[in-house]
């Protein structure tokens, strides 16, 4: 988080590859605020992420890179968002299903 707070300035383009890998979920929320402050100062970001928290940034344009094309998609469309949401709503059922062959 220190890098984002002290090295990033205003008007610039930043390319980030999975910044969530070094951030807990609560720090990812703080990072959302840092992004907002920097975009208010005309910074722009291109972020490669699998984090549903970072994908949830307001007004973000989300792109899916497939073998054949690049398309913009809605927040709920990435598989990792769907799986995370489904797991949080159905944890016991999913774990039971995953472990049933081990018993």
C-alpha atoms as a PDB file:
ATOM      1  CA  UNK A   1       0.000   0.000   0.000  1.00  0.00           C
ATOM      2  CA  UNK A   2       2.934   2.291   0.685  1.00  0.00           C
ATOM      3  CA  UNK A   3       3.924   2.162  -2.993  1.00  0.00           C
ATOM      4  CA  UNK A   4       0.486   3.352  -4.068  1.00  0.00           C
ATOM      5  CA  UNK A   5       0.386   6.124  -1.493  1.00  0.00           C
ATOM      6  CA  UNK A   6       3.894   7.516  -1.969  1.00  0.00           C
ATOM      7  CA  UNK A   7       4.994   6.778  -5.539  1.00  0.00           C
ATOM      8  CA  UNK A   8       1.834   7.394  -7.520  1.00  0.00           C
ATOM      9  CA  UNK A   9       1.125  11.008  -8.343  1.00  0.00           C
ATOM     10  CA  UNK A  10      -1.518  12.769 -10.376  1.00  0.00           C
ATOM     11  CA  UNK A  11      -1.784  12.908 -14.150  1.00  0.00           C
ATOM     12  CA  UNK A  12      -0.228   9.662 -15.421  1.00  0.00           C
ATOM     13  CA  UNK A  13      -1.097   6.252 -16.827  1.00  0.00           C
ATOM     14  CA  UNK A  14      -0.409   3.310 -14.498  1.00  0.00           C
ATOM     15  CA  UNK A  15      -0.297  -0.335 -15.587  1.00  0.00           C
ATOM     16  CA  UNK A  16      -0.823  -2.752 -12.689  1.00  0.00           C
ATOM     17  CA  UNK A  17      -0.685  -6.537 -12.802  1.00  0.00           C
ATOM     18  CA  UNK A  18      -2.771  -8.147 -10.061  1.00  0.00           C
ATOM     19  CA  UNK A  19      -2.096  -5.573  -7.327  1.00  0.00           C
ATOM     20  CA  UNK A  20      -4.455  -7.523  -5.056  1.00  0.00           C
ATOM     21  CA  UNK A  21      -1.862 -10.292  -4.671  1.00  0.00           C
ATOM     22  CA  UNK A  22      -0.150  -8.190  -1.991  1.00  0.00           C
ATOM     23  CA  UNK A  23      -3.350  -6.790  -0.466  1.00  0.00           C
ATOM     24  CA  UNK A  24      -5.819  -8.258   2.005  1.00  0.00           C
ATOM     25  CA  UNK A  25      -9.509  -7.705   1.211  1.00  0.00           C
ATOM     26  CA  UNK A  26      -9.638  -4.746   3.613  1.00  0.00           C
ATOM     27  CA  UNK A  27      -6.544  -3.240   1.970  1.00  0.00           C
ATOM     28  CA  UNK A  28      -8.175  -3.714  -1.428  1.00  0.00           C
ATOM     29  CA  UNK A  29     -11.007  -1.509  -0.178  1.00  0.00           C
ATOM     30  CA  UNK A  30      -8.473   1.111   0.928  1.00  0.00           C
ATOM     31  CA  UNK A  31      -6.855   0.792  -2.500  1.00  0.00           C
ATOM     32  CA  UNK A  32     -10.239   1.651  -4.045  1.00  0.00           C
ATOM     33  CA  UNK A  33     -10.067   4.971  -2.200  1.00  0.00           C
ATOM     34  CA  UNK A  34      -6.495   5.571  -3.398  1.00  0.00           C
ATOM     35  CA  UNK A  35      -7.640   4.893  -6.969  1.00  0.00           C
ATOM     36  CA  UNK A  36     -10.453   7.413  -6.566  1.00  0.00           C
ATOM     37  CA  UNK A  37      -8.114  10.082  -5.204  1.00  0.00           C
ATOM     38  CA  UNK A  38      -5.655   9.543  -8.044  1.00  0.00           C
ATOM     39  CA  UNK A  39      -8.308   9.483 -10.775  1.00  0.00           C
ATOM     40  CA  UNK A  40      -9.654  12.731  -9.347  1.00  0.00           C
ATOM     41  CA  UNK A  41      -6.160  14.088 -10.135  1.00  0.00           C
ATOM     42  CA  UNK A  42      -6.418  12.774 -13.729  1.00  0.00           C
ATOM     43  CA  UNK A  43      -4.474   9.542 -13.247  1.00  0.00           C
ATOM     44  CA  UNK A  44      -5.592   6.604 -15.383  1.00  0.00           C
ATOM     45  CA  UNK A  45      -5.222   2.912 -14.618  1.00  0.00           C
ATOM     46  CA  UNK A  46      -5.095  -0.287 -16.599  1.00  0.00           C
ATOM     47  CA  UNK A  47      -5.314  -3.109 -14.074  1.00  0.00           C
ATOM     48  CA  UNK A  48      -5.117  -6.846 -14.706  1.00  0.00           C
ATOM     49  CA  UNK A  49      -6.982  -8.422 -11.791  1.00  0.00           C
ATOM     50  CA  UNK A  50      -9.023 -11.389 -10.630  1.00  0.00           C
ATOM     51  CA  UNK A  51     -10.277  -9.518  -7.564  1.00  0.00           C
ATOM     52  CA  UNK A  52     -14.050  -9.014  -7.384  1.00  0.00           C
ATOM     53  CA  UNK A  53     -13.318  -6.101  -5.037  1.00  0.00           C
ATOM     54  CA  UNK A  54     -11.114  -4.268  -7.525  1.00  0.00           C
ATOM     55  CA  UNK A  55     -13.410  -5.154 -10.421  1.00  0.00           C
ATOM     56  CA  UNK A  56     -16.191  -3.434  -8.468  1.00  0.00           C
ATOM     57  CA  UNK A  57     -14.602  -0.013  -8.843  1.00  0.00           C
ATOM     58  CA  UNK A  58     -17.379   2.444  -9.793  1.00  0.00           C
ATOM     59  CA  UNK A  59     -17.570   3.232 -13.504  1.00  0.00           C
ATOM     60  CA  UNK A  60     -14.717   0.842 -14.341  1.00  0.00           C
ATOM     61  CA  UNK A  61     -14.617  -0.545 -17.847  1.00  0.00           C
ATOM     62  CA  UNK A  62     -13.989  -4.288 -17.583  1.00  0.00           C
ATOM     63  CA  UNK A  63     -12.518  -6.155 -20.523  1.00  0.00           C
ATOM     64  CA  UNK A  64     -12.423  -9.891 -21.091  1.00  0.00           C
ATOM     65  CA  UNK A  65      -9.497 -11.157 -23.138  1.00  0.00           C
ATOM     66  CA  UNK A  66     -10.428 -14.314 -25.017  1.00  0.00           C
ATOM     67  CA  UNK A  67      -8.338 -16.161 -27.572  1.00  0.00           C
ATOM     68  CA  UNK A  68     -10.197 -14.556 -30.449  1.00  0.00           C
ATOM     69  CA  UNK A  69     -11.298 -11.144 -29.207  1.00  0.00           C
ATOM     70  CA  UNK A  70     -11.432  -8.514 -26.486  1.00  0.00           C
ATOM     71  CA  UNK A  71     -14.877  -7.518 -25.235  1.00  0.00           C
ATOM     72  CA  UNK A  72     -16.145  -5.185 -22.562  1.00  0.00           C
ATOM     73  CA  UNK A  73     -18.359  -6.891 -19.991  1.00  0.00           C
ATOM     74  CA  UNK A  74     -20.487  -6.125 -16.960  1.00  0.00           C
ATOM     75  CA  UNK A  75     -19.219  -6.580 -13.389  1.00  0.00           C
ATOM     76  CA  UNK A  76     -21.189  -9.795 -12.762  1.00  0.00           C
ATOM     77  CA  UNK A  77     -19.903 -11.553 -15.884  1.00  0.00           C
ATOM     78  CA  UNK A  78     -16.317 -12.625 -15.018  1.00  0.00           C
ATOM     79  CA  UNK A  79     -16.188 -16.225 -13.855  1.00  0.00           C
ATOM     80  CA  UNK A  80     -14.210 -15.384 -10.719  1.00  0.00           C
ATOM     81  CA  UNK A  81     -16.887 -12.876  -9.639  1.00  0.00           C
ATOM     82  CA  UNK A  82     -19.614 -15.483 -10.188  1.00  0.00           C
ATOM     83  CA  UNK A  83     -17.701 -18.224  -8.351  1.00  0.00           C
ATOM     84  CA  UNK A  84     -16.870 -15.957  -5.410  1.00  0.00           C
ATOM     85  CA  UNK A  85     -20.474 -14.807  -5.107  1.00  0.00           C
ATOM     86  CA  UNK A  86     -21.794 -18.372  -5.384  1.00  0.00           C
ATOM     87  CA  UNK A  87     -19.314 -19.650  -2.797  1.00  0.00           C
ATOM     88  CA  UNK A  88     -20.214 -16.913  -0.299  1.00  0.00           C
ATOM     89  CA  UNK A  89     -23.911 -17.718  -0.671  1.00  0.00           C
ATOM     90  CA  UNK A  90     -23.538 -21.529  -0.701  1.00  0.00           C
ATOM     91  CA  UNK A  91     -20.365 -22.345   1.228  1.00  0.00           C
ATOM     92  CA  UNK A  92     -21.606 -25.410   3.100  1.00  0.00           C
ATOM     93  CA  UNK A  93     -23.203 -26.962   0.029  1.00  0.00           C
ATOM     94  CA  UNK A  94     -20.089 -26.430  -2.094  1.00  0.00           C
ATOM     95  CA  UNK A  95     -17.701 -27.804   0.522  1.00  0.00           C
ATOM     96  CA  UNK A  96     -19.918 -30.813   1.101  1.00  0.00           C
ATOM     97  CA  UNK A  97     -19.937 -31.492  -2.642  1.00  0.00           C
ATOM     98  CA  UNK A  98     -16.156 -31.071  -2.916  1.00  0.00           C
ATOM     99  CA  UNK A  99     -15.411 -33.400  -0.023  1.00  0.00           C
ATOM    100  CA  UNK A 100     -18.085 -36.070  -0.510  1.00  0.00           C
ATOM    101  CA  UNK A 101     -15.707 -38.491  -2.262  1.00  0.00           C
ATOM    102  CA  UNK A 102     -13.168 -38.225   0.559  1.00  0.00           C
ATOM    103  CA  UNK A 103     -15.505 -39.622   3.221  1.00  0.00           C
END
